[in-house]
Protein backbone atom coordinates (compact mmCIF):
# COMPACT_ATOMS: atom_id res chain seq x y z
CA UNK A 1 274.08 -17.86 178.35
CA UNK A 2 273.85 -18.84 182.03
CA UNK A 3 276.66 -17.64 184.24
CA UNK A 4 278.79 -20.37 185.79
CA UNK A 5 278.56 -18.53 189.10
CA UNK A 6 274.93 -19.49 189.71
CA UNK A 7 273.77 -18.25 193.08
CA UNK A 8 272.86 -21.05 195.43
CA UNK A 9 269.86 -20.85 197.72
CA UNK A 10 270.84 -18.64 200.61
CA UNK A 11 267.79 -19.02 202.85
CA UNK A 12 267.49 -21.55 205.56
CA UNK A 13 265.21 -22.32 208.47
CA UNK A 14 265.97 -23.84 211.87
CA UNK A 15 263.99 -26.93 210.83
CA UNK A 16 265.89 -27.37 207.54
CA UNK A 17 269.33 -26.58 208.84
CA UNK A 18 269.90 -29.88 210.64
CA UNK A 19 268.78 -31.88 207.59
CA UNK A 20 270.69 -30.14 204.78
CA UNK A 21 273.82 -32.27 205.10
CA UNK A 22 271.78 -35.49 205.39
CA UNK A 23 269.96 -34.69 202.14
CA UNK A 24 273.22 -33.76 200.41
CA UNK A 25 274.82 -37.06 201.46
CA UNK A 26 271.80 -39.09 200.36
CA UNK A 27 271.80 -37.46 196.93
CA UNK A 28 275.53 -38.13 196.63
CA UNK A 29 274.74 -41.75 197.51
CA UNK A 30 272.17 -41.86 194.69
CA UNK A 31 274.83 -40.57 192.29
CA UNK A 32 277.33 -43.16 193.53
CA UNK A 33 274.85 -46.03 193.17
CA UNK A 34 273.93 -44.91 189.65
CA UNK A 35 277.59 -44.71 188.70
CA UNK A 36 278.25 -48.18 190.13
CA UNK A 37 275.24 -49.57 188.26
CA UNK A 38 276.59 -48.30 184.95
CA UNK A 39 280.00 -49.78 185.74
CA UNK A 40 278.79 -53.18 186.97
CA UNK A 41 275.17 -53.56 185.75
CA UNK A 42 274.39 -54.83 189.26
CA UNK A 43 270.72 -53.96 189.76
CA UNK A 44 271.22 -53.87 193.53
CA UNK A 45 272.64 -50.37 192.99
CA UNK A 46 269.47 -49.24 191.21
CA UNK A 47 267.37 -50.54 194.10
CA UNK A 48 269.48 -48.71 196.69
CA UNK A 49 269.45 -45.49 194.65
CA UNK A 50 265.64 -45.65 194.52
CA UNK A 51 265.42 -46.29 198.27
CA UNK A 52 267.55 -43.22 198.93
CA UNK A 53 265.43 -41.10 196.56
CA UNK A 54 262.25 -42.20 198.36
CA UNK A 55 263.82 -41.41 201.72
CA UNK A 56 264.78 -37.90 200.58
CA UNK A 57 261.27 -37.29 199.23
CA UNK A 58 259.72 -38.43 202.53
CA UNK A 59 262.21 -36.38 204.55
CA UNK A 60 261.51 -33.23 202.54
CA UNK A 61 257.76 -33.71 203.03
CA UNK A 62 258.33 -34.08 206.79
CA UNK A 63 260.50 -30.95 206.85
CA UNK A 64 257.75 -28.97 205.12
CA UNK A 65 255.20 -30.34 207.60
CA UNK A 66 257.42 -29.46 210.56
CA UNK A 67 258.02 -25.96 209.19
CA UNK A 68 254.28 -25.45 208.87
CA UNK A 69 253.75 -26.66 212.45
CA UNK A 70 256.54 -24.40 213.69
CA UNK A 71 255.12 -21.39 211.84
CA UNK A 72 251.70 -22.06 213.36
CA UNK A 73 253.10 -22.19 216.87
CA UNK A 74 255.12 -18.99 216.32
CA UNK A 75 251.95 -17.15 215.26
CA UNK A 76 250.09 -18.00 218.48
């Protein structure tokens, strides 16, 4: 049985820190759009949820790229 007190990720980087809240809000927006779709069957909500998902995926890729660039410059 998994404990309800699951430890959340405790590590962070200077690059990620400024984006954590943005990602959290976008994912909450996805949840809200999905909920509204199921309530209204308005496909506009599915489209917006997908746009937010794509944005988060692109943002996470950019964060990883920026972290790699930052790590390279720190090693010089």
